[in-house]
Amino acid sequence: MITSPLQSTIRCSLTRFVTAAIPFVVLASSGVAAPQTPHRLPPKVVYIEVVTTDTTAMTITVQPKNSMSADAKTYKVTPAAKITVSGNPATLADLKSGLQVHFHLTAADSTAVDELSASPAPRGSE
C-alpha cells in the first residue's frame, strides 16, 4: 500500500494521541480518579501588633492582633537594629502598644530582630 506523506503524518499523530490517552481511559474505567492539581488558598494575612517593649532589656513582645496573650512572643532587638515607624527613623521606645509591625530576624539567631518597621493598623484589620 502506497501512502502519501500527509497520510503518514496523520497516522503517526493519531497513534501518539491514542497512546497518550490510554492511561486516562484505563484510570477512568477502573474507578481510580485521575491526579488533580491541588488548589491553593490565598495566604492568610495575620496582623502582628506590639504588646510591650523593654528598652533596658532591648526586647519587644508581639502577638497576632486580637489574639490571646498566650500567643505573645518576645524577641531581642539588636543594638544596631534599623527601626522605623510609618517610614520614619525611630527607636525601640517609640514603638507603642497596638502598632502593627513587620520585622526581620537575624540570620545567626532566630529570636533576634535586626530590622523592624511599625505603622498604625490599617482600617478593617480589627
PDB file of N, CA and C in Angstrom:
ATOM      1  N   MET A   1       0.848  -1.177   0.000  1.00  0.00           N
ATOM      2  CA  MET A   1       0.000   0.000   0.000  1.00  0.00           C
ATOM      3  C   MET A   1       0.890   1.235   0.000  1.00  0.00           C
ATOM      4  N   ILE A   2       0.601   2.143  -0.887  1.00  0.00           N
ATOM      5  CA  ILE A   2       1.362   3.376  -1.009  1.00  0.00           C
ATOM      6  C   ILE A   2       0.588   4.466  -0.273  1.00  0.00           C
ATOM      7  N   THR A   3       1.310   5.204   0.608  1.00  0.00           N
ATOM      8  CA  THR A   3       0.672   6.288   1.354  1.00  0.00           C
ATOM      9  C   THR A   3       1.375   7.594   1.067  1.00  0.00           C
ATOM     10  N   SER A   4       0.623   8.645   1.159  1.00  0.00           N
ATOM     11  CA  SER A   4       1.206   9.971   0.943  1.00  0.00           C
ATOM     12  C   SER A   4       1.845  10.444   2.244  1.00  0.00           C
ATOM     13  N   PRO A   5       2.732  11.453   2.147  1.00  0.00           N
ATOM     14  CA  PRO A   5       3.323  11.993   3.381  1.00  0.00           C
ATOM     15  C   PRO A   5       2.270  12.517   4.357  1.00  0.00           C
ATOM     16  N   LEU A   6       1.191  13.086   3.858  1.00  0.00           N
ATOM     17  CA  LEU A   6       0.134  13.604   4.724  1.00  0.00           C
ATOM     18  C   LEU A   6      -0.545  12.458   5.479  1.00  0.00           C
ATOM     19  N   GLN A   7      -0.816  11.362   4.815  1.00  0.00           N
ATOM     20  CA  GLN A   7      -1.424  10.214   5.470  1.00  0.00           C
ATOM     21  C   GLN A   7      -0.502   9.645   6.547  1.00  0.00           C
ATOM     22  N   SER A   8       0.783   9.605   6.277  1.00  0.00           N
ATOM     23  CA  SER A   8       1.752   9.119   7.267  1.00  0.00           C
ATOM     24  C   SER A   8       1.770  10.016   8.492  1.00  0.00           C
ATOM     25  N   THR A   9       1.729  11.326   8.273  1.00  0.00           N
ATOM     26  CA  THR A   9       1.739  12.289   9.380  1.00  0.00           C
ATOM     27  C   THR A   9       0.482  12.135  10.221  1.00  0.00           C
ATOM     28  N   ILE A  10      -0.658  11.995   9.554  1.00  0.00           N
ATOM     29  CA  ILE A  10      -1.913  11.841  10.286  1.00  0.00           C
ATOM     30  C   ILE A  10      -1.904  10.548  11.089  1.00  0.00           C
ATOM     31  N   ARG A  11      -1.456   9.438  10.480  1.00  0.00           N
ATOM     32  CA  ARG A  11      -1.416   8.157  11.166  1.00  0.00           C
ATOM     33  C   ARG A  11      -0.489   8.226  12.382  1.00  0.00           C
ATOM     34  N   CYS A  12       0.664   8.866  12.214  1.00  0.00           N
ATOM     35  CA  CYS A  12       1.634   8.996  13.312  1.00  0.00           C
ATOM     36  C   CYS A  12       1.052   9.829  14.444  1.00  0.00           C
ATOM     37  N   SER A  13       0.396  10.950  14.102  1.00  0.00           N
ATOM     38  CA  SER A  13      -0.207  11.820  15.117  1.00  0.00           C
ATOM     39  C   SER A  13      -1.324  11.105  15.845  1.00  0.00           C
ATOM     40  N   LEU A  14      -2.134  10.350  15.123  1.00  0.00           N
ATOM     41  CA  LEU A  14      -3.227   9.617  15.730  1.00  0.00           C
ATOM     42  C   LEU A  14      -2.698   8.540  16.678  1.00  0.00           C
ATOM     43  N   THR A  15      -1.641   7.875  16.290  1.00  0.00           N
ATOM     44  CA  THR A  15      -1.029   6.853  17.144  1.00  0.00           C
ATOM     45  C   THR A  15      -0.515   7.486  18.437  1.00  0.00           C
ATOM     46  N   ARG A  16       0.141   8.621  18.333  1.00  0.00           N
ATOM     47  CA  ARG A  16       0.649   9.311  19.541  1.00  0.00           C
ATOM     48  C   ARG A  16      -0.502   9.726  20.451  1.00  0.00           C
ATOM     49  N   PHE A  17      -1.589  10.231  19.857  1.00  0.00           N
ATOM     50  CA  PHE A  17      -2.730  10.673  20.647  1.00  0.00           C
ATOM     51  C   PHE A  17      -3.346   9.495  21.403  1.00  0.00           C
ATOM     52  N   VAL A  18      -3.572   8.404  20.702  1.00  0.00           N
ATOM     53  CA  VAL A  18      -4.184   7.233  21.327  1.00  0.00           C
ATOM     54  C   VAL A  18      -3.276   6.684  22.418  1.00  0.00           C
ATOM     55  N   THR A  19      -1.975   6.627  22.167  1.00  0.00           N
ATOM     56  CA  THR A  19      -1.024   6.125  23.156  1.00  0.00           C
ATOM     57  C   THR A  19      -1.026   7.001  24.409  1.00  0.00           C
ATOM     58  N   ALA A  20      -1.122   8.311  24.216  1.00  0.00           N
ATOM     59  CA  ALA A  20      -1.130   9.222  25.364  1.00  0.00           C
ATOM     60  C   ALA A  20      -2.447   9.156  26.121  1.00  0.00           C
ATOM     61  N   ALA A  21      -3.541   8.847  25.436  1.00  0.00           N
ATOM     62  CA  ALA A  21      -4.858   8.841  26.075  1.00  0.00           C
ATOM     63  C   ALA A  21      -5.149   7.553  26.823  1.00  0.00           C
ATOM     64  N   ILE A  22      -4.460   6.470  26.518  1.00  0.00           N
ATOM     65  CA  ILE A  22      -4.749   5.171  27.130  1.00  0.00           C
ATOM     66  C   ILE A  22      -4.694   5.205  28.662  1.00  0.00           C
ATOM     67  N   PRO A  23      -3.674   5.809  29.287  1.00  0.00           N
ATOM     68  CA  PRO A  23      -3.673   5.811  30.772  1.00  0.00           C
ATOM     69  C   PRO A  23      -4.896   6.481  31.363  1.00  0.00           C
ATOM     70  N   PHE A  24      -5.410   7.534  30.735  1.00  0.00           N
ATOM     71  CA  PHE A  24      -6.577   8.225  31.272  1.00  0.00           C
ATOM     72  C   PHE A  24      -7.837   7.389  31.101  1.00  0.00           C
ATOM     73  N   VAL A  25      -7.936   6.659  29.990  1.00  0.00           N
ATOM     74  CA  VAL A  25      -9.080   5.780  29.774  1.00  0.00           C
ATOM     75  C   VAL A  25      -9.057   4.649  30.783  1.00  0.00           C
ATOM     76  N   VAL A  26      -7.896   4.087  31.025  1.00  0.00           N
ATOM     77  CA  VAL A  26      -7.767   2.998  32.000  1.00  0.00           C
ATOM     78  C   VAL A  26      -8.132   3.490  33.391  1.00  0.00           C
ATOM     79  N   LEU A  27      -7.646   4.672  33.776  1.00  0.00           N
ATOM     80  CA  LEU A  27      -7.972   5.220  35.094  1.00  0.00           C
ATOM     81  C   LEU A  27      -9.468   5.453  35.224  1.00  0.00           C
ATOM     82  N   ALA A  28     -10.071   6.026  34.194  1.00  0.00           N
ATOM     83  CA  ALA A  28     -11.499   6.332  34.257  1.00  0.00           C
ATOM     84  C   ALA A  28     -12.329   5.056  34.328  1.00  0.00           C
ATOM     85  N   SER A  29     -11.953   4.045  33.583  1.00  0.00           N
ATOM     86  CA  SER A  29     -12.744   2.820  33.577  1.00  0.00           C
ATOM     87  C   SER A  29     -12.510   1.974  34.823  1.00  0.00           C
ATOM     88  N   SER A  30     -11.384   2.170  35.499  1.00  0.00           N
ATOM     89  CA  SER A  30     -11.109   1.373  36.699  1.00  0.00           C
ATOM     90  C   SER A  30     -11.670   2.000  37.962  1.00  0.00           C
ATOM     91  N   GLY A  31     -12.251   3.194  37.841  1.00  0.00           N
ATOM     92  CA  GLY A  31     -12.820   3.858  39.003  1.00  0.00           C
ATOM     93  C   GLY A  31     -11.793   4.635  39.806  1.00  0.00           C
ATOM     94  N   VAL A  32     -10.536   4.666  39.366  1.00  0.00           N
ATOM     95  CA  VAL A  32      -9.492   5.414  40.055  1.00  0.00           C
ATOM     96  C   VAL A  32      -9.505   6.839  39.518  1.00  0.00           C
ATOM     97  N   ALA A  33      -9.537   7.789  40.400  1.00  0.00           N
ATOM     98  CA  ALA A  33      -9.573   9.189  39.981  1.00  0.00           C
ATOM     99  C   ALA A  33      -8.225   9.595  39.399  1.00  0.00           C
ATOM    100  N   ALA A  34      -8.275  10.382  38.349  1.00  0.00           N
ATOM    101  CA  ALA A  34      -7.052  10.910  37.746  1.00  0.00           C
ATOM    102  C   ALA A  34      -6.436  11.919  38.703  1.00  0.00           C
ATOM    103  N   PRO A  35      -5.109  12.033  38.718  1.00  0.00           N
ATOM    104  CA  PRO A  35      -4.474  13.001  39.611  1.00  0.00           C
ATOM    105  C   PRO A  35      -4.928  14.414  39.284  1.00  0.00           C
ATOM    106  N   GLN A  36      -5.143  15.195  40.315  1.00  0.00           N
ATOM    107  CA  GLN A  36      -5.582  16.576  40.136  1.00  0.00           C
ATOM    108  C   GLN A  36      -4.558  17.513  40.739  1.00  0.00           C
ATOM    109  N   THR A  37      -4.499  18.700  40.184  1.00  0.00           N
ATOM    110  CA  THR A  37      -3.628  19.732  40.723  1.00  0.00           C
ATOM    111  C   THR A  37      -4.289  20.296  41.973  1.00  0.00           C
ATOM    112  N   PRO A  38      -3.590  20.331  43.109  1.00  0.00           N
ATOM    113  CA  PRO A  38      -4.210  20.862  44.327  1.00  0.00           C
ATOM    114  C   PRO A  38      -4.469  22.357  44.189  1.00  0.00           C
ATOM    115  N   HIS A  39      -5.608  22.775  44.721  1.00  0.00           N
ATOM    116  CA  HIS A  39      -5.935  24.198  44.707  1.00  0.00           C
ATOM    117  C   HIS A  39      -5.316  24.838  45.940  1.00  0.00           C
ATOM    118  N   ARG A  40      -4.674  25.950  45.742  1.00  0.00           N
ATOM    119  CA  ARG A  40      -4.048  26.639  46.872  1.00  0.00           C
ATOM    120  C   ARG A  40      -4.932  27.787  47.314  1.00  0.00           C
ATOM    121  N   LEU A  41      -5.073  27.900  48.619  1.00  0.00           N
ATOM    122  CA  LEU A  41      -5.812  29.016  49.176  1.00  0.00           C
ATOM    123  C   LEU A  41      -4.898  30.227  49.236  1.00  0.00           C
ATOM    124  N   PRO A  42      -5.462  31.411  49.109  1.00  0.00           N
ATOM    125  CA  PRO A  42      -4.606  32.594  49.238  1.00  0.00           C
ATOM    126  C   PRO A  42      -4.049  32.665  50.656  1.00  0.00           C
ATOM    127  N   PRO A  43      -2.841  33.240  50.806  1.00  0.00           N
ATOM    128  CA  PRO A  43      -2.267  33.306  52.153  1.00  0.00           C
ATOM    129  C   PRO A  43      -3.143  34.143  53.079  1.00  0.00           C
ATOM    130  N   LYS A  44      -3.218  33.725  54.318  1.00  0.00           N
ATOM    131  CA  LYS A  44      -3.986  34.467  55.311  1.00  0.00           C
ATOM    132  C   LYS A  44      -3.107  35.585  55.862  1.00  0.00           C
ATOM    133  N   VAL A  45      -3.656  36.763  55.908  1.00  0.00           N
ATOM    134  CA  VAL A  45      -2.915  37.897  56.445  1.00  0.00           C
ATOM    135  C   VAL A  45      -3.097  37.915  57.948  1.00  0.00           C
ATOM    136  N   VAL A  46      -1.998  37.897  58.668  1.00  0.00           N
ATOM    137  CA  VAL A  46      -2.027  37.972  60.120  1.00  0.00           C
ATOM    138  C   VAL A  46      -1.363  39.278  60.517  1.00  0.00           C
ATOM    139  N   TYR A  47      -2.107  40.113  61.195  1.00  0.00           N
ATOM    140  CA  TYR A  47      -1.545  41.379  61.656  1.00  0.00           C
ATOM    141  C   TYR A  47      -0.879  41.158  63.002  1.00  0.00           C
ATOM    142  N   ILE A  48       0.411  41.480  63.072  1.00  0.00           N
ATOM    143  CA  ILE A  48       1.171  41.339  64.304  1.00  0.00           C
ATOM    144  C   ILE A  48       1.251  42.713  64.939  1.00  0.00           C
ATOM    145  N   GLU A  49       0.955  42.780  66.218  1.00  0.00           N
ATOM    146  CA  GLU A  49       0.976  44.080  66.884  1.00  0.00           C
ATOM    147  C   GLU A  49       1.899  44.058  68.090  1.00  0.00           C
ATOM    148  N   VAL A  50       2.386  45.241  68.414  1.00  0.00           N
ATOM    149  CA  VAL A  50       3.247  45.424  69.582  1.00  0.00           C
ATOM    150  C   VAL A  50       2.394  45.268  70.841  1.00  0.00           C
ATOM    151  N   VAL A  51       2.890  44.478  71.780  1.00  0.00           N
ATOM    152  CA  VAL A  51       2.248  44.373  73.084  1.00  0.00           C
ATOM    153  C   VAL A  51       3.010  45.257  74.057  1.00  0.00           C
ATOM    154  N   THR A  52       4.317  45.021  74.179  1.00  0.00           N
ATOM    155  CA  THR A  52       5.170  45.839  75.051  1.00  0.00           C
ATOM    156  C   THR A  52       6.581  45.889  74.479  1.00  0.00           C
ATOM    157  N   THR A  53       7.332  46.868  74.952  1.00  0.00           N
ATOM    158  CA  THR A  53       8.762  46.943  74.658  1.00  0.00           C
ATOM    159  C   THR A  53       9.495  47.161  75.973  1.00  0.00           C
ATOM    160  N   ASP A  54      10.729  46.701  76.023  1.00  0.00           N
ATOM    161  CA  ASP A  54      11.571  46.907  77.199  1.00  0.00           C
ATOM    162  C   ASP A  54      12.894  47.463  76.703  1.00  0.00           C
ATOM    163  N   THR A  55      13.099  48.762  76.903  1.00  0.00           N
ATOM    164  CA  THR A  55      14.309  49.413  76.400  1.00  0.00           C
ATOM    165  C   THR A  55      15.548  49.023  77.198  1.00  0.00           C
ATOM    166  N   THR A  56      15.381  48.585  78.441  1.00  0.00           N
ATOM    167  CA  THR A  56      16.528  48.147  79.237  1.00  0.00           C
ATOM    168  C   THR A  56      17.019  46.781  78.761  1.00  0.00           C
ATOM    169  N   ALA A  57      16.098  45.853  78.588  1.00  0.00           N
ATOM    170  CA  ALA A  57      16.459  44.503  78.140  1.00  0.00           C
ATOM    171  C   ALA A  57      16.569  44.422  76.614  1.00  0.00           C
ATOM    172  N   MET A  58      16.184  45.488  75.922  1.00  0.00           N
ATOM    173  CA  MET A  58      16.191  45.541  74.451  1.00  0.00           C
ATOM    174  C   MET A  58      15.363  44.394  73.865  1.00  0.00           C
ATOM    175  N   THR A  59      14.081  44.325  74.283  1.00  0.00           N
ATOM    176  CA  THR A  59      13.182  43.299  73.771  1.00  0.00           C
ATOM    177  C   THR A  59      11.872  43.927  73.311  1.00  0.00           C
ATOM    178  N   ILE A  60      11.189  43.196  72.448  1.00  0.00           N
ATOM    179  CA  ILE A  60       9.853  43.579  72.006  1.00  0.00           C
ATOM    180  C   ILE A  60       8.971  42.346  72.107  1.00  0.00           C
ATOM    181  N   THR A  61       7.776  42.517  72.647  1.00  0.00           N
ATOM    182  CA  THR A  61       6.814  41.431  72.735  1.00  0.00           C
ATOM    183  C   THR A  61       5.688  41.748  71.766  1.00  0.00           C
ATOM    184  N   VAL A  62       5.391  40.766  70.902  1.00  0.00           N
ATOM    185  CA  VAL A  62       4.361  40.945  69.872  1.00  0.00           C
ATOM    186  C   VAL A  62       3.393  39.762  69.913  1.00  0.00           C
ATOM    187  N   GLN A  63       2.232  39.966  69.314  1.00  0.00           N
ATOM    188  CA  GLN A  63       1.259  38.889  69.189  1.00  0.00           C
ATOM    189  C   GLN A  63       0.361  39.177  67.998  1.00  0.00           C
ATOM    190  N   PRO A  64      -0.272  38.136  67.447  1.00  0.00           N
ATOM    191  CA  PRO A  64      -1.241  38.374  66.381  1.00  0.00           C
ATOM    192  C   PRO A  64      -2.377  39.244  66.909  1.00  0.00           C
ATOM    193  N   LYS A  65      -2.836  40.168  66.100  1.00  0.00           N
ATOM    194  CA  LYS A  65      -3.902  41.087  66.511  1.00  0.00           C
ATOM    195  C   LYS A  65      -5.134  40.308  66.943  1.00  0.00           C
ATOM    196  N   ASN A  66      -5.756  40.767  68.010  1.00  0.00           N
ATOM    197  CA  ASN A  66      -6.979  40.187  68.571  1.00  0.00           C
ATOM    198  C   ASN A  66      -6.800  38.737  69.027  1.00  0.00           C
ATOM    199  N   SER A  67      -5.604  38.375  69.463  1.00  0.00           N
ATOM    200  CA  SER A  67      -5.393  37.011  69.944  1.00  0.00           C
ATOM    201  C   SER A  67      -5.199  37.020  71.454  1.00  0.00           C
ATOM    202  N   MET A  68      -5.086  35.846  72.013  1.00  0.00           N
ATOM    203  CA  MET A  68      -4.891  35.698  73.446  1.00  0.00           C
ATOM    204  C   MET A  68      -3.451  36.059  73.813  1.00  0.00           C
ATOM    205  N   SER A  69      -3.240  36.488  75.035  1.00  0.00           N
ATOM    206  CA  SER A  69      -1.893  36.848  75.462  1.00  0.00           C
ATOM    207  C   SER A  69      -0.962  35.641  75.464  1.00  0.00           C
ATOM    208  N   ALA A  70      -1.502  34.423  75.463  1.00  0.00           N
ATOM    209  CA  ALA A  70      -0.661  33.226  75.418  1.00  0.00           C
ATOM    210  C   ALA A  70       0.062  33.111  74.073  1.00  0.00           C
ATOM    211  N   ASP A  71      -0.443  33.811  73.049  1.00  0.00           N
ATOM    212  CA  ASP A  71       0.178  33.784  71.729  1.00  0.00           C
ATOM    213  C   ASP A  71       1.321  34.787  71.603  1.00  0.00           C
ATOM    214  N   ALA A  72       1.547  35.579  72.632  1.00  0.00           N
ATOM    215  CA  ALA A  72       2.581  36.618  72.588  1.00  0.00           C
ATOM    216  C   ALA A  72       3.971  35.992  72.578  1.00  0.00           C
ATOM    217  N   LYS A  73       4.875  36.592  71.810  1.00  0.00           N
ATOM    218  CA  LYS A  73       6.266  36.129  71.748  1.00  0.00           C
ATOM    219  C   LYS A  73       7.183  37.323  71.949  1.00  0.00           C
ATOM    220  N   THR A  74       8.290  37.077  72.637  1.00  0.00           N
ATOM    221  CA  THR A  74       9.263  38.132  72.911  1.00  0.00           C
ATOM    222  C   THR A  74      10.524  37.886  72.100  1.00  0.00           C
ATOM    223  N   TYR A  75      11.026  38.954  71.484  1.00  0.00           N
ATOM    224  CA  TYR A  75      12.240  38.885  70.666  1.00  0.00           C
ATOM    225  C   TYR A  75      13.242  39.904  71.174  1.00  0.00           C
ATOM    226  N   LYS A  76      14.530  39.558  71.066  1.00  0.00           N
ATOM    227  CA  LYS A  76      15.596  40.510  71.373  1.00  0.00           C
ATOM    228  C   LYS A  76      15.721  41.461  70.187  1.00  0.00           C
ATOM    229  N   VAL A  77      16.043  42.697  70.464  1.00  0.00           N
ATOM    230  CA  VAL A  77      16.297  43.677  69.407  1.00  0.00           C
ATOM    231  C   VAL A  77      17.784  43.995  69.446  1.00  0.00           C
ATOM    232  N   THR A  78      18.470  43.775  68.331  1.00  0.00           N
ATOM    233  CA  THR A  78      19.917  44.013  68.309  1.00  0.00           C
ATOM    234  C   THR A  78      20.200  45.502  68.462  1.00  0.00           C
ATOM    235  N   PRO A  79      21.354  45.866  69.033  1.00  0.00           N
ATOM    236  CA  PRO A  79      21.687  47.282  69.214  1.00  0.00           C
ATOM    237  C   PRO A  79      21.731  48.052  67.881  1.00  0.00           C
ATOM    238  N   ALA A  80      22.094  47.373  66.807  1.00  0.00           N
ATOM    239  CA  ALA A  80      22.195  48.045  65.507  1.00  0.00           C
ATOM    240  C   ALA A  80      20.924  47.914  64.669  1.00  0.00           C
ATOM    241  N   ALA A  81      19.835  47.459  65.276  1.00  0.00           N
ATOM    242  CA  ALA A  81      18.593  47.241  64.526  1.00  0.00           C
ATOM    243  C   ALA A  81      18.091  48.537  63.898  1.00  0.00           C
ATOM    244  N   LYS A  82      17.625  48.413  62.668  1.00  0.00           N
ATOM    245  CA  LYS A  82      17.024  49.548  61.958  1.00  0.00           C
ATOM    246  C   LYS A  82      15.534  49.541  62.296  1.00  0.00           C
ATOM    247  N   ILE A  83      15.062  50.590  62.968  1.00  0.00           N
ATOM    248  CA  ILE A  83      13.664  50.685  63.406  1.00  0.00           C
ATOM    249  C   ILE A  83      13.021  51.891  62.743  1.00  0.00           C
ATOM    250  N   THR A  84      11.827  51.673  62.168  1.00  0.00           N
ATOM    251  CA  THR A  84      11.074  52.792  61.586  1.00  0.00           C
ATOM    252  C   THR A  84       9.623  52.717  62.051  1.00  0.00           C
ATOM    253  N   VAL A  85       9.007  53.878  62.171  1.00  0.00           N
ATOM    254  CA  VAL A  85       7.574  53.979  62.450  1.00  0.00           C
ATOM    255  C   VAL A  85       6.980  54.849  61.352  1.00  0.00           C
ATOM    256  N   SER A  86       6.045  54.299  60.604  1.00  0.00           N
ATOM    257  CA  SER A  86       5.430  54.986  59.461  1.00  0.00           C
ATOM    258  C   SER A  86       6.481  55.498  58.489  1.00  0.00           C
ATOM    259  N   GLY A  87       7.560  54.744  58.322  1.00  0.00           N
ATOM    260  CA  GLY A  87       8.618  55.095  57.373  1.00  0.00           C
ATOM    261  C   GLY A  87       9.675  56.046  57.900  1.00  0.00           C
ATOM    262  N   ASN A  88       9.512  56.540  59.114  1.00  0.00           N
ATOM    263  CA  ASN A  88      10.479  57.475  59.697  1.00  0.00           C
ATOM    264  C   ASN A  88      11.376  56.757  60.705  1.00  0.00           C
ATOM    265  N   PRO A  89      12.662  57.127  60.772  1.00  0.00           N
ATOM    266  CA  PRO A  89      13.565  56.506  61.747  1.00  0.00           C
ATOM    267  C   PRO A  89      13.003  56.641  63.164  1.00  0.00           C
ATOM    268  N   ALA A  90      13.162  55.582  63.957  1.00  0.00           N
ATOM    269  CA  ALA A  90      12.612  55.575  65.312  1.00  0.00           C
ATOM    270  C   ALA A  90      13.510  54.745  66.217  1.00  0.00           C
ATOM    271  N   THR A  91      13.151  54.716  67.491  1.00  0.00           N
ATOM    272  CA  THR A  91      13.859  53.904  68.476  1.00  0.00           C
ATOM    273  C   THR A  91      12.882  52.894  69.062  1.00  0.00           C
ATOM    274  N   LEU A  92      13.401  51.969  69.815  1.00  0.00           N
ATOM    275  CA  LEU A  92      12.558  50.977  70.465  1.00  0.00           C
ATOM    276  C   LEU A  92      11.516  51.644  71.363  1.00  0.00           C
ATOM    277  N   ALA A  93      11.883  52.741  72.013  1.00  0.00           N
ATOM    278  CA  ALA A  93      10.958  53.458  72.894  1.00  0.00           C
ATOM    279  C   ALA A  93       9.782  54.063  72.130  1.00  0.00           C
ATOM    280  N   ASP A  94       9.942  54.294  70.822  1.00  0.00           N
ATOM    281  CA  ASP A  94       8.871  54.874  70.007  1.00  0.00           C
ATOM    282  C   ASP A  94       7.786  53.865  69.634  1.00  0.00           C
ATOM    283  N   LEU A  95       8.045  52.588  69.858  1.00  0.00           N
ATOM    284  CA  LEU A  95       7.072  51.553  69.487  1.00  0.00           C
ATOM    285  C   LEU A  95       6.027  51.422  70.581  1.00  0.00           C
ATOM    286  N   LYS A  96       4.822  51.847  70.277  1.00  0.00           N
ATOM    287  CA  LYS A  96       3.741  51.837  71.253  1.00  0.00           C
ATOM    288  C   LYS A  96       2.840  50.620  71.059  1.00  0.00           C
ATOM    289  N   SER A  97       2.202  50.203  72.125  1.00  0.00           N
ATOM    290  CA  SER A  97       1.283  49.076  72.089  1.00  0.00           C
ATOM    291  C   SER A  97       0.206  49.311  71.038  1.00  0.00           C
ATOM    292  N   GLY A  98      -0.092  48.274  70.250  1.00  0.00           N
ATOM    293  CA  GLY A  98      -1.137  48.364  69.236  1.00  0.00           C
ATOM    294  C   GLY A  98      -0.641  48.652  67.836  1.00  0.00           C
ATOM    295  N   LEU A  99       0.618  49.103  67.693  1.00  0.00           N
ATOM    296  CA  LEU A  99       1.152  49.330  66.351  1.00  0.00           C
ATOM    297  C   LEU A  99       1.322  47.997  65.630  1.00  0.00           C
ATOM    298  N   GLN A 100       1.067  48.005  64.344  1.00  0.00           N
ATOM    299  CA  GLN A 100       1.301  46.814  63.518  1.00  0.00           C
ATOM    300  C   GLN A 100       2.777  46.793  63.162  1.00  0.00           C
ATOM    301  N   VAL A 101       3.414  45.620  63.249  1.00  0.00           N
ATOM    302  CA  VAL A 101       4.849  45.536  62.965  1.00  0.00           C
ATOM    303  C   VAL A 101       5.178  44.444  61.958  1.00  0.00           C
ATOM    304  N   HIS A 102       6.241  44.685  61.232  1.00  0.00           N
ATOM    305  CA  HIS A 102       6.871  43.707  60.344  1.00  0.00           C
ATOM    306  C   HIS A 102       8.331  43.710  60.747  1.00  0.00           C
ATOM    307  N   PHE A 103       8.933  42.536  60.904  1.00  0.00           N
ATOM    308  CA  PHE A 103      10.337  42.524  61.312  1.00  0.00           C
ATOM    309  C   PHE A 103      11.094  41.396  60.658  1.00  0.00           C
ATOM    310  N   HIS A 104      12.416  41.556  60.623  1.00  0.00           N
ATOM    311  CA  HIS A 104      13.327  40.556  60.077  1.00  0.00           C
ATOM    312  C   HIS A 104      14.170  40.034  61.214  1.00  0.00           C
ATOM    313  N   LEU A 105      14.306  38.715  61.273  1.00  0.00           N
ATOM    314  CA  LEU A 105      15.161  38.110  62.287  1.00  0.00           C
ATOM    315  C   LEU A 105      16.570  37.980  61.729  1.00  0.00           C
ATOM    316  N   THR A 106      17.558  38.013  62.608  1.00  0.00           N
ATOM    317  CA  THR A 106      18.948  37.887  62.162  1.00  0.00           C
ATOM    318  C   THR A 106      19.184  36.466  61.651  1.00  0.00           C
ATOM    319  N   ALA A 107      20.149  36.328  60.764  1.00  0.00           N
ATOM    320  CA  ALA A 107      20.478  35.008  60.220  1.00  0.00           C
ATOM    321  C   ALA A 107      21.089  34.115  61.295  1.00  0.00           C
ATOM    322  N   ALA A 108      21.800  34.711  62.243  1.00  0.00           N
ATOM    323  CA  ALA A 108      22.500  33.936  63.269  1.00  0.00           C
ATOM    324  C   ALA A 108      21.597  33.513  64.427  1.00  0.00           C
ATOM    325  N   ASP A 109      20.528  34.269  64.697  1.00  0.00           N
ATOM    326  CA  ASP A 109      19.688  33.997  65.866  1.00  0.00           C
ATOM    327  C   ASP A 109      18.230  34.239  65.490  1.00  0.00           C
ATOM    328  N   SER A 110      17.427  33.187  65.523  1.00  0.00           N
ATOM    329  CA  SER A 110      16.023  33.308  65.114  1.00  0.00           C
ATOM    330  C   SER A 110      15.135  33.983  66.156  1.00  0.00           C
ATOM    331  N   THR A 111      15.752  34.480  67.242  1.00  0.00           N
ATOM    332  CA  THR A 111      14.972  35.226  68.235  1.00  0.00           C
ATOM    333  C   THR A 111      15.441  36.668  68.339  1.00  0.00           C
ATOM    334  N   ALA A 112      16.316  37.096  67.426  1.00  0.00           N
ATOM    335  CA  ALA A 112      16.835  38.461  67.473  1.00  0.00           C
ATOM    336  C   ALA A 112      16.399  39.227  66.222  1.00  0.00           C
ATOM    337  N   VAL A 113      15.902  40.432  66.438  1.00  0.00           N
ATOM    338  CA  VAL A 113      15.405  41.280  65.360  1.00  0.00           C
ATOM    339  C   VAL A 113      16.490  42.266  64.952  1.00  0.00           C
ATOM    340  N   ASP A 114      16.746  42.357  63.628  1.00  0.00           N
ATOM    341  CA  ASP A 114      17.729  43.348  63.171  1.00  0.00           C
ATOM    342  C   ASP A 114      17.106  44.441  62.311  1.00  0.00           C
ATOM    343  N   GLU A 115      15.828  44.287  61.963  1.00  0.00           N
ATOM    344  CA  GLU A 115      15.122  45.328  61.205  1.00  0.00           C
ATOM    345  C   GLU A 115      13.651  45.233  61.555  1.00  0.00           C
ATOM    346  N   LEU A 116      13.045  46.386  61.851  1.00  0.00           N
ATOM    347  CA  LEU A 116      11.659  46.399  62.289  1.00  0.00           C
ATOM    348  C   LEU A 116      10.979  47.648  61.766  1.00  0.00           C
ATOM    349  N   SER A 117       9.801  47.473  61.165  1.00  0.00           N
ATOM    350  CA  SER A 117       9.022  48.636  60.740  1.00  0.00           C
ATOM    351  C   SER A 117       7.640  48.531  61.362  1.00  0.00           C
ATOM    352  N   ALA A 118       7.138  49.647  61.832  1.00  0.00           N
ATOM    353  CA  ALA A 118       5.838  49.684  62.500  1.00  0.00           C
ATOM    354  C   ALA A 118       4.977  50.766  61.870  1.00  0.00           C
ATOM    355  N   SER A 119       3.677  50.544  61.951  1.00  0.00           N
ATOM    356  CA  SER A 119       2.706  51.540  61.456  1.00  0.00           C
ATOM    357  C   SER A 119       1.380  51.288  62.127  1.00  0.00           C
ATOM    358  N   PRO A 120       0.499  52.278  62.098  1.00  0.00           N
ATOM    359  CA  PRO A 120      -0.832  52.029  62.636  1.00  0.00           C
ATOM    360  C   PRO A 120      -1.504  50.917  61.824  1.00  0.00           C
ATOM    361  N   ALA A 121      -2.313  50.093  62.464  1.00  0.00           N
ATOM    362  CA  ALA A 121      -3.008  49.003  61.765  1.00  0.00           C
ATOM    363  C   ALA A 121      -3.947  49.601  60.715  1.00  0.00           C
ATOM    364  N   PRO A 122      -4.013  48.990  59.518  1.00  0.00           N
ATOM    365  CA  PRO A 122      -4.921  49.508  58.503  1.00  0.00           C
ATOM    366  C   PRO A 122      -6.375  49.355  58.927  1.00  0.00           C
ATOM    367  N   ARG A 123      -7.220  50.217  58.417  1.00  0.00           N
ATOM    368  CA  ARG A 123      -8.653  50.130  58.738  1.00  0.00           C
ATOM    369  C   ARG A 123      -9.201  48.808  58.252  1.00  0.00           C
ATOM    370  N   GLY A 124     -10.077  48.233  59.024  1.00  0.00           N
ATOM    371  CA  GLY A 124     -10.697  46.966  58.655  1.00  0.00           C
ATOM    372  C   GLY A 124      -9.886  45.756  59.088  1.00  0.00           C
ATOM    373  N   SER A 125      -8.781  45.945  59.797  1.00  0.00           N
ATOM    374  CA  SER A 125      -7.976  44.799  60.238  1.00  0.00           C
ATOM    375  C   SER A 125      -8.416  44.296  61.604  1.00  0.00           C
ATOM    376  N   GLU A 126      -9.389  44.960  62.206  1.00  0.00           N
ATOM    377  CA  GLU A 126      -9.840  44.511  63.516  1.00  0.00           C
ATOM    378  C   GLU A 126     -10.640  43.264  63.423  1.00  0.00           C
TER     379      GLU A 126
END
